[in-house]
């Protein structure tokens, strides 16, 4: 449960994995070494792995993975918004998040209350996804909000 307080080492680990995650054969060993060098934190690779597992189990980490610039790789990304009855928000959100093409999924205080991003290579993939989502949930008001201009925001949360 995300209400459990973070320890100092957990905060350092969360800071370290958000930005500059090592892309090497043993990333958690590299993180342990960096935490020791930069912060004087004496941890082993196994301790870092266990801390990350605990943080995930407690809800602090939803997903650990790379974020790629999709356009040079031949993919598009679009923001979608849906009007979901309050009693269906959790099941709708779970279904949306079950698709690997969904990179973000969150609730807003807005008539369009569920927002998510979807990555695709061909427009037909997006259309098929939205059609399936409408069919499985009965929710028709799902809107694709294509971007006119790309702004890249670097979101790193300093937990020190």
N, C-alpha and C. Protein backbone atom coordinates (compact mmCIF):
# COMPACT_ATOMS: atom_id res chain seq x y z
N UNK A 1 0.83 -1.18 0.00
CA UNK A 1 0.00 0.00 0.00
C UNK A 1 0.87 1.24 0.00
N UNK A 2 0.56 2.17 -0.87
CA UNK A 2 1.40 3.34 -1.07
C UNK A 2 1.38 4.28 0.14
N UNK A 3 0.58 4.01 1.15
CA UNK A 3 0.56 4.86 2.33
C UNK A 3 1.74 4.61 3.25
N UNK A 4 2.42 3.48 3.11
CA UNK A 4 3.56 3.16 3.94
C UNK A 4 4.68 4.16 3.67
N UNK A 5 5.29 4.66 4.72
CA UNK A 5 6.33 5.67 4.58
C UNK A 5 7.57 5.10 3.90
N UNK A 6 8.18 5.95 3.08
CA UNK A 6 9.41 5.58 2.41
C UNK A 6 10.60 5.78 3.34
N UNK A 7 11.54 4.85 3.27
CA UNK A 7 12.79 5.02 4.01
C UNK A 7 13.74 5.88 3.19
N UNK A 8 14.78 6.38 3.82
CA UNK A 8 15.78 7.17 3.10
C UNK A 8 16.39 6.40 1.93
N UNK A 9 16.83 5.15 2.15
CA UNK A 9 17.37 4.38 1.02
C UNK A 9 16.35 4.16 -0.11
N UNK A 10 15.10 3.96 0.25
CA UNK A 10 14.07 3.78 -0.79
C UNK A 10 13.92 5.05 -1.62
N UNK A 11 13.98 6.19 -0.99
CA UNK A 11 13.90 7.46 -1.72
C UNK A 11 15.07 7.59 -2.70
N UNK A 12 16.26 7.23 -2.25
CA UNK A 12 17.43 7.28 -3.13
C UNK A 12 17.28 6.31 -4.30
N UNK A 13 16.78 5.14 -4.03
CA UNK A 13 16.58 4.15 -5.10
C UNK A 13 15.55 4.65 -6.10
N UNK A 14 14.44 5.20 -5.60
CA UNK A 14 13.42 5.74 -6.52
C UNK A 14 13.99 6.87 -7.37
N UNK A 15 14.77 7.75 -6.75
CA UNK A 15 15.40 8.83 -7.52
C UNK A 15 16.31 8.24 -8.60
N UNK A 16 17.07 7.22 -8.25
CA UNK A 16 18.05 6.65 -9.19
C UNK A 16 17.41 5.92 -10.35
N UNK A 17 16.28 5.25 -10.12
CA UNK A 17 15.70 4.49 -11.24
C UNK A 17 14.85 5.35 -12.16
N UNK A 18 14.49 6.56 -11.73
CA UNK A 18 13.69 7.44 -12.59
C UNK A 18 14.49 8.04 -13.73
N UNK A 19 15.74 8.29 -13.49
CA UNK A 19 16.54 9.05 -14.44
C UNK A 19 17.91 8.40 -14.56
N UNK A 20 18.27 8.01 -15.74
CA UNK A 20 19.59 7.42 -15.94
C UNK A 20 19.67 5.97 -15.52
N UNK A 21 18.59 5.22 -15.69
CA UNK A 21 18.61 3.79 -15.37
C UNK A 21 19.66 3.13 -16.26
N UNK A 22 20.59 2.38 -15.67
CA UNK A 22 21.68 1.81 -16.46
C UNK A 22 21.20 0.72 -17.42
N UNK A 23 21.55 0.87 -18.67
CA UNK A 23 21.22 -0.14 -19.68
C UNK A 23 22.48 -0.99 -19.87
N UNK A 24 22.64 -1.92 -18.94
CA UNK A 24 23.79 -2.82 -18.92
C UNK A 24 23.29 -4.21 -18.55
N UNK A 25 24.18 -5.20 -18.61
CA UNK A 25 23.79 -6.59 -18.32
C UNK A 25 23.26 -6.75 -16.90
N UNK A 26 23.80 -6.04 -15.95
CA UNK A 26 23.36 -6.13 -14.54
C UNK A 26 23.01 -4.74 -14.02
N UNK A 27 21.85 -4.22 -14.42
CA UNK A 27 21.51 -2.83 -14.07
C UNK A 27 21.39 -2.59 -12.56
N UNK A 28 20.90 -3.57 -11.81
CA UNK A 28 20.72 -3.35 -10.38
C UNK A 28 22.06 -3.36 -9.64
N UNK A 29 23.03 -4.12 -10.17
CA UNK A 29 24.39 -4.07 -9.61
C UNK A 29 24.99 -2.70 -9.89
N UNK A 30 24.77 -2.19 -11.09
CA UNK A 30 25.28 -0.86 -11.44
C UNK A 30 24.62 0.21 -10.57
N UNK A 31 23.31 0.05 -10.30
CA UNK A 31 22.62 1.00 -9.42
C UNK A 31 23.19 0.95 -8.01
N UNK A 32 23.44 -0.26 -7.51
CA UNK A 32 24.00 -0.40 -6.17
C UNK A 32 25.36 0.29 -6.10
N UNK A 33 26.18 0.11 -7.12
CA UNK A 33 27.50 0.74 -7.16
C UNK A 33 27.37 2.26 -7.19
N UNK A 34 26.45 2.77 -8.03
CA UNK A 34 26.25 4.22 -8.15
C UNK A 34 25.71 4.81 -6.84
N UNK A 35 24.79 4.10 -6.18
CA UNK A 35 24.25 4.59 -4.91
C UNK A 35 25.36 4.68 -3.87
N UNK A 36 26.28 3.73 -3.89
CA UNK A 36 27.41 3.78 -2.96
C UNK A 36 28.34 4.94 -3.28
N UNK A 37 28.65 5.09 -4.56
CA UNK A 37 29.60 6.12 -4.99
C UNK A 37 29.02 7.53 -4.78
N UNK A 38 27.77 7.74 -5.17
CA UNK A 38 27.19 9.08 -5.13
C UNK A 38 26.54 9.45 -3.80
N UNK A 39 26.10 8.45 -3.03
CA UNK A 39 25.33 8.75 -1.81
C UNK A 39 25.87 8.05 -0.56
N UNK A 40 26.93 7.27 -0.73
CA UNK A 40 27.48 6.55 0.42
C UNK A 40 26.56 5.47 0.94
N UNK A 41 25.63 5.00 0.11
CA UNK A 41 24.68 3.97 0.52
C UNK A 41 25.27 2.60 0.20
N UNK A 42 25.55 1.82 1.22
CA UNK A 42 26.15 0.50 1.03
C UNK A 42 25.04 -0.53 0.85
N UNK A 43 24.69 -0.83 -0.40
CA UNK A 43 23.67 -1.84 -0.72
C UNK A 43 24.20 -2.77 -1.79
N UNK A 44 23.68 -3.99 -1.77
CA UNK A 44 24.06 -4.98 -2.77
C UNK A 44 23.05 -4.96 -3.91
N UNK A 45 23.40 -5.62 -4.99
CA UNK A 45 22.47 -5.78 -6.11
C UNK A 45 21.16 -6.42 -5.63
N UNK A 46 21.25 -7.46 -4.82
CA UNK A 46 20.07 -8.15 -4.30
C UNK A 46 19.20 -7.25 -3.45
N UNK A 47 19.83 -6.39 -2.66
CA UNK A 47 19.06 -5.46 -1.83
C UNK A 47 18.33 -4.41 -2.68
N UNK A 48 18.97 -3.97 -3.75
CA UNK A 48 18.30 -3.02 -4.65
C UNK A 48 17.11 -3.71 -5.32
N UNK A 49 17.32 -4.93 -5.80
CA UNK A 49 16.21 -5.68 -6.43
C UNK A 49 15.07 -5.86 -5.44
N UNK A 50 15.37 -6.25 -4.21
CA UNK A 50 14.33 -6.45 -3.21
C UNK A 50 13.61 -5.15 -2.87
N UNK A 51 14.34 -4.05 -2.80
CA UNK A 51 13.71 -2.76 -2.54
C UNK A 51 12.77 -2.37 -3.67
N UNK A 52 13.20 -2.56 -4.91
CA UNK A 52 12.36 -2.24 -6.06
C UNK A 52 11.12 -3.12 -6.06
N UNK A 53 11.29 -4.40 -5.75
CA UNK A 53 10.14 -5.32 -5.68
C UNK A 53 9.16 -4.86 -4.60
N UNK A 54 9.68 -4.48 -3.43
CA UNK A 54 8.83 -4.01 -2.34
C UNK A 54 8.10 -2.72 -2.72
N UNK A 55 8.82 -1.80 -3.36
CA UNK A 55 8.20 -0.54 -3.79
C UNK A 55 7.09 -0.79 -4.81
N UNK A 56 7.29 -1.77 -5.68
CA UNK A 56 6.25 -2.12 -6.65
C UNK A 56 5.06 -2.75 -5.93
N UNK A 57 5.33 -3.70 -5.04
CA UNK A 57 4.25 -4.36 -4.29
C UNK A 57 3.43 -3.37 -3.47
N UNK A 58 4.08 -2.31 -2.97
CA UNK A 58 3.41 -1.32 -2.13
C UNK A 58 2.77 -0.20 -2.94
N UNK A 59 2.89 -0.24 -4.27
CA UNK A 59 2.20 0.72 -5.12
C UNK A 59 2.98 1.98 -5.47
N UNK A 60 4.24 2.07 -5.06
CA UNK A 60 5.04 3.25 -5.42
C UNK A 60 5.53 3.18 -6.86
N UNK A 61 5.74 1.99 -7.35
CA UNK A 61 6.17 1.79 -8.73
C UNK A 61 5.06 1.04 -9.44
N UNK A 62 4.57 1.60 -10.52
CA UNK A 62 3.55 0.93 -11.31
C UNK A 62 4.21 0.07 -12.38
N UNK A 63 5.24 0.63 -13.00
CA UNK A 63 5.87 -0.03 -14.13
C UNK A 63 7.31 0.43 -14.20
N UNK A 64 8.19 -0.48 -14.53
CA UNK A 64 9.59 -0.14 -14.71
C UNK A 64 9.94 -0.50 -16.14
N UNK A 65 10.21 0.51 -16.94
CA UNK A 65 10.52 0.26 -18.34
C UNK A 65 10.98 1.53 -19.02
N UNK A 66 11.46 1.34 -20.22
CA UNK A 66 11.98 2.47 -20.99
C UNK A 66 10.84 3.25 -21.64
N UNK A 67 11.08 4.53 -21.86
CA UNK A 67 10.17 5.37 -22.62
C UNK A 67 10.95 5.81 -23.87
N UNK A 68 10.44 5.44 -25.02
CA UNK A 68 11.11 5.73 -26.27
C UNK A 68 10.43 6.88 -26.99
N UNK A 69 11.19 7.59 -27.80
CA UNK A 69 10.62 8.59 -28.69
C UNK A 69 10.00 7.81 -29.83
N UNK A 70 8.70 7.69 -29.84
CA UNK A 70 8.00 6.77 -30.73
C UNK A 70 8.08 7.15 -32.21
N UNK A 71 8.09 8.40 -32.54
CA UNK A 71 8.05 8.81 -33.95
C UNK A 71 9.23 8.30 -34.78
N UNK A 72 10.48 8.47 -34.32
CA UNK A 72 11.60 7.95 -35.12
C UNK A 72 11.56 6.42 -35.28
N UNK A 73 10.84 5.75 -34.38
CA UNK A 73 10.72 4.29 -34.46
C UNK A 73 9.53 3.86 -35.33
N UNK A 74 8.83 4.83 -35.91
CA UNK A 74 7.71 4.51 -36.79
C UNK A 74 6.37 4.36 -36.08
N UNK A 75 6.27 4.87 -34.86
CA UNK A 75 5.03 4.77 -34.10
C UNK A 75 4.46 6.15 -33.84
N UNK A 76 3.17 6.18 -33.61
CA UNK A 76 2.47 7.40 -33.22
C UNK A 76 1.93 7.17 -31.81
N UNK A 77 1.65 8.26 -31.13
CA UNK A 77 1.07 8.19 -29.81
C UNK A 77 -0.04 9.22 -29.77
N UNK A 78 -1.15 8.83 -29.17
CA UNK A 78 -2.27 9.76 -29.09
C UNK A 78 -2.86 9.74 -27.69
N UNK A 79 -3.35 10.90 -27.27
CA UNK A 79 -4.04 11.03 -26.00
C UNK A 79 -5.52 10.74 -26.24
N UNK A 80 -6.10 9.98 -25.35
CA UNK A 80 -7.54 9.67 -25.44
C UNK A 80 -8.20 10.07 -24.12
N UNK A 81 -9.46 10.43 -24.21
CA UNK A 81 -10.24 10.79 -23.02
C UNK A 81 -11.60 10.12 -23.13
N UNK A 82 -12.11 9.67 -21.98
CA UNK A 82 -13.40 8.97 -21.97
C UNK A 82 -14.28 9.49 -20.84
N UNK A 83 -15.58 9.45 -21.09
CA UNK A 83 -16.57 9.78 -20.06
C UNK A 83 -17.05 8.44 -19.50
N UNK A 84 -16.58 8.14 -18.28
CA UNK A 84 -16.84 6.83 -17.68
C UNK A 84 -17.66 7.02 -16.41
N UNK A 85 -18.80 6.32 -16.28
CA UNK A 85 -19.56 6.40 -15.03
C UNK A 85 -18.67 6.00 -13.85
N UNK A 86 -18.83 6.68 -12.74
CA UNK A 86 -17.97 6.49 -11.57
C UNK A 86 -17.85 5.02 -11.16
N UNK A 87 -18.95 4.27 -11.23
CA UNK A 87 -18.92 2.88 -10.79
C UNK A 87 -18.17 1.97 -11.77
N UNK A 88 -17.81 2.47 -12.94
CA UNK A 88 -17.08 1.68 -13.92
C UNK A 88 -15.64 2.14 -14.11
N UNK A 89 -15.24 3.20 -13.41
CA UNK A 89 -13.89 3.75 -13.61
C UNK A 89 -12.82 2.71 -13.35
N UNK A 90 -12.92 1.97 -12.26
CA UNK A 90 -11.86 1.01 -11.93
C UNK A 90 -11.78 -0.11 -12.97
N UNK A 91 -12.91 -0.69 -13.35
CA UNK A 91 -12.86 -1.79 -14.33
C UNK A 91 -12.45 -1.27 -15.70
N UNK A 92 -12.90 -0.09 -16.08
CA UNK A 92 -12.51 0.50 -17.36
C UNK A 92 -11.00 0.77 -17.37
N UNK A 93 -10.51 1.37 -16.29
CA UNK A 93 -9.08 1.65 -16.19
C UNK A 93 -8.24 0.40 -16.24
N UNK A 94 -8.68 -0.65 -15.58
CA UNK A 94 -7.95 -1.92 -15.60
C UNK A 94 -7.90 -2.51 -17.00
N UNK A 95 -9.02 -2.44 -17.71
CA UNK A 95 -9.05 -2.95 -19.09
C UNK A 95 -8.11 -2.14 -19.97
N UNK A 96 -8.17 -0.81 -19.88
CA UNK A 96 -7.29 0.05 -20.67
C UNK A 96 -5.83 -0.29 -20.39
N UNK A 97 -5.49 -0.42 -19.11
CA UNK A 97 -4.10 -0.69 -18.73
C UNK A 97 -3.62 -2.08 -19.13
N UNK A 98 -4.54 -2.97 -19.46
CA UNK A 98 -4.13 -4.33 -19.85
C UNK A 98 -3.52 -4.37 -21.25
N UNK A 99 -3.67 -3.30 -22.01
CA UNK A 99 -3.11 -3.25 -23.36
C UNK A 99 -1.67 -2.73 -23.28
N UNK A 100 -0.71 -3.47 -23.83
CA UNK A 100 0.69 -3.04 -23.74
C UNK A 100 0.97 -1.73 -24.47
N UNK A 101 0.11 -1.32 -25.37
CA UNK A 101 0.31 -0.06 -26.11
C UNK A 101 -0.06 1.16 -25.28
N UNK A 102 -0.69 0.96 -24.13
CA UNK A 102 -1.09 2.07 -23.27
C UNK A 102 0.07 2.42 -22.35
N UNK A 103 0.53 3.67 -22.45
CA UNK A 103 1.69 4.09 -21.65
C UNK A 103 1.29 4.87 -20.41
N UNK A 104 0.17 5.53 -20.41
CA UNK A 104 -0.31 6.30 -19.26
C UNK A 104 -1.82 6.11 -19.18
N UNK A 105 -2.34 6.08 -17.96
CA UNK A 105 -3.77 5.90 -17.76
C UNK A 105 -4.09 6.52 -16.40
N UNK A 106 -4.94 7.53 -16.38
CA UNK A 106 -5.20 8.21 -15.12
C UNK A 106 -6.60 8.80 -15.11
N UNK A 107 -7.07 9.10 -13.90
CA UNK A 107 -8.40 9.68 -13.67
C UNK A 107 -8.22 11.17 -13.40
N UNK A 108 -9.14 11.96 -13.97
CA UNK A 108 -9.15 13.41 -13.74
C UNK A 108 -10.52 13.83 -13.21
N UNK A 109 -10.54 14.93 -12.50
CA UNK A 109 -11.81 15.52 -12.06
C UNK A 109 -12.32 16.36 -13.21
N UNK A 110 -13.07 15.74 -14.09
CA UNK A 110 -13.52 16.37 -15.32
C UNK A 110 -14.65 15.51 -15.86
N UNK A 111 -15.59 16.04 -16.60
CA UNK A 111 -16.60 15.17 -17.22
C UNK A 111 -15.97 14.05 -18.06
N UNK A 112 -14.88 14.38 -18.75
CA UNK A 112 -14.07 13.34 -19.40
C UNK A 112 -13.06 12.92 -18.33
N UNK A 113 -13.38 11.85 -17.61
CA UNK A 113 -12.66 11.56 -16.38
C UNK A 113 -11.56 10.51 -16.47
N UNK A 114 -11.47 9.76 -17.57
CA UNK A 114 -10.38 8.80 -17.72
C UNK A 114 -9.58 9.18 -18.96
N UNK A 115 -8.29 9.38 -18.76
CA UNK A 115 -7.39 9.80 -19.83
C UNK A 115 -6.28 8.77 -19.97
N UNK A 116 -5.85 8.51 -21.20
CA UNK A 116 -4.77 7.54 -21.41
C UNK A 116 -4.09 7.83 -22.75
N UNK A 117 -2.88 7.35 -22.89
CA UNK A 117 -2.17 7.47 -24.16
C UNK A 117 -2.02 6.08 -24.76
N UNK A 118 -2.07 6.04 -26.07
CA UNK A 118 -2.01 4.78 -26.81
C UNK A 118 -1.00 4.94 -27.94
N UNK A 119 -0.06 4.00 -28.05
CA UNK A 119 0.95 4.02 -29.11
C UNK A 119 0.59 2.98 -30.17
N UNK A 120 0.81 3.34 -31.44
CA UNK A 120 0.44 2.44 -32.53
C UNK A 120 1.32 2.72 -33.75
N UNK A 121 1.43 1.71 -34.59
CA UNK A 121 2.21 1.86 -35.83
C UNK A 121 1.29 2.24 -36.99
N UNK A 122 0.06 1.72 -36.97
CA UNK A 122 -0.89 2.00 -38.04
C UNK A 122 -2.20 2.49 -37.43
N UNK A 123 -2.84 3.42 -38.11
CA UNK A 123 -4.10 4.02 -37.63
C UNK A 123 -5.15 2.94 -37.34
N UNK A 124 -5.10 1.83 -38.11
CA UNK A 124 -6.06 0.75 -37.91
C UNK A 124 -5.94 0.13 -36.52
N UNK A 125 -4.72 0.12 -35.96
CA UNK A 125 -4.52 -0.42 -34.60
C UNK A 125 -5.27 0.42 -33.58
N UNK A 126 -5.17 1.73 -33.70
CA UNK A 126 -5.88 2.63 -32.79
C UNK A 126 -7.39 2.46 -32.96
N UNK A 127 -7.86 2.44 -34.21
CA UNK A 127 -9.29 2.28 -34.46
C UNK A 127 -9.81 0.96 -33.90
N UNK A 128 -9.03 -0.12 -34.08
CA UNK A 128 -9.43 -1.42 -33.55
C UNK A 128 -9.48 -1.43 -32.02
N UNK A 129 -8.48 -0.80 -31.41
CA UNK A 129 -8.43 -0.71 -29.95
C UNK A 129 -9.65 0.04 -29.42
N UNK A 130 -9.93 1.21 -30.00
CA UNK A 130 -11.07 2.02 -29.52
C UNK A 130 -12.39 1.28 -29.75
N UNK A 131 -12.51 0.60 -30.88
CA UNK A 131 -13.73 -0.17 -31.16
C UNK A 131 -13.90 -1.30 -30.14
N UNK A 132 -12.82 -2.00 -29.87
CA UNK A 132 -12.87 -3.09 -28.88
C UNK A 132 -13.22 -2.55 -27.50
N UNK A 133 -12.62 -1.43 -27.13
CA UNK A 133 -12.87 -0.82 -25.83
C UNK A 133 -14.34 -0.42 -25.70
N UNK A 134 -14.87 0.19 -26.74
CA UNK A 134 -16.28 0.58 -26.72
C UNK A 134 -17.19 -0.65 -26.63
N UNK A 135 -16.85 -1.68 -27.41
CA UNK A 135 -17.66 -2.89 -27.43
C UNK A 135 -17.65 -3.64 -26.11
N UNK A 136 -16.48 -3.75 -25.48
CA UNK A 136 -16.37 -4.51 -24.23
C UNK A 136 -16.92 -3.76 -23.02
N UNK A 137 -16.93 -2.42 -23.08
CA UNK A 137 -17.37 -1.65 -21.90
C UNK A 137 -18.73 -1.01 -22.07
N UNK A 138 -19.18 -0.87 -23.31
CA UNK A 138 -20.43 -0.16 -23.56
C UNK A 138 -20.29 1.35 -23.47
N UNK A 139 -19.07 1.82 -23.27
CA UNK A 139 -18.83 3.26 -23.17
C UNK A 139 -18.51 3.80 -24.55
N UNK A 140 -19.37 4.67 -25.04
CA UNK A 140 -19.23 5.21 -26.40
C UNK A 140 -18.41 6.49 -26.45
N UNK A 141 -18.45 7.27 -25.38
CA UNK A 141 -17.76 8.56 -25.39
C UNK A 141 -16.28 8.40 -25.04
N UNK A 142 -15.54 7.93 -26.03
CA UNK A 142 -14.08 7.82 -25.94
C UNK A 142 -13.53 8.63 -27.11
N UNK A 143 -12.75 9.63 -26.79
CA UNK A 143 -12.29 10.56 -27.81
C UNK A 143 -10.79 10.46 -28.01
N UNK A 144 -10.38 10.48 -29.27
CA UNK A 144 -8.96 10.56 -29.60
C UNK A 144 -8.62 12.03 -29.75
N UNK A 145 -7.58 12.45 -29.05
CA UNK A 145 -7.17 13.85 -29.06
C UNK A 145 -5.77 13.94 -29.68
N UNK A 146 -5.72 13.92 -30.99
CA UNK A 146 -4.43 13.93 -31.69
C UNK A 146 -3.67 15.22 -31.41
N UNK A 147 -2.38 15.11 -31.33
CA UNK A 147 -1.55 16.29 -31.05
C UNK A 147 -1.30 17.09 -32.32
N UNK A 148 -1.21 18.37 -32.15
CA UNK A 148 -0.84 19.25 -33.25
C UNK A 148 0.63 19.61 -33.17
N UNK A 149 1.15 19.62 -31.94
CA UNK A 149 2.55 19.94 -31.73
C UNK A 149 3.04 19.08 -30.56
N UNK A 150 4.26 18.57 -30.68
CA UNK A 150 4.83 17.70 -29.64
C UNK A 150 5.64 18.54 -28.66
N UNK A 151 5.35 18.35 -27.38
CA UNK A 151 6.14 18.94 -26.31
C UNK A 151 6.64 17.78 -25.46
N UNK A 152 7.92 17.68 -25.28
CA UNK A 152 8.46 16.63 -24.43
C UNK A 152 8.73 17.21 -23.05
N UNK A 153 8.10 16.60 -22.08
CA UNK A 153 8.26 17.04 -20.70
C UNK A 153 9.05 15.95 -19.98
N UNK A 154 10.09 16.34 -19.32
CA UNK A 154 10.90 15.39 -18.57
C UNK A 154 10.39 15.39 -17.14
N UNK A 155 9.65 14.36 -16.78
CA UNK A 155 9.07 14.27 -15.45
C UNK A 155 9.92 13.37 -14.57
N UNK A 156 10.65 13.98 -13.66
CA UNK A 156 11.43 13.26 -12.66
C UNK A 156 11.05 13.86 -11.32
N UNK A 157 10.66 12.99 -10.41
CA UNK A 157 10.21 13.45 -9.11
C UNK A 157 11.32 13.23 -8.09
N UNK A 158 11.92 14.32 -7.59
CA UNK A 158 13.00 14.23 -6.63
C UNK A 158 12.40 13.94 -5.26
N UNK A 159 12.69 12.76 -4.74
CA UNK A 159 12.10 12.33 -3.47
C UNK A 159 13.05 12.49 -2.30
N UNK A 160 14.14 13.21 -2.48
CA UNK A 160 15.11 13.41 -1.40
C UNK A 160 14.51 14.24 -0.28
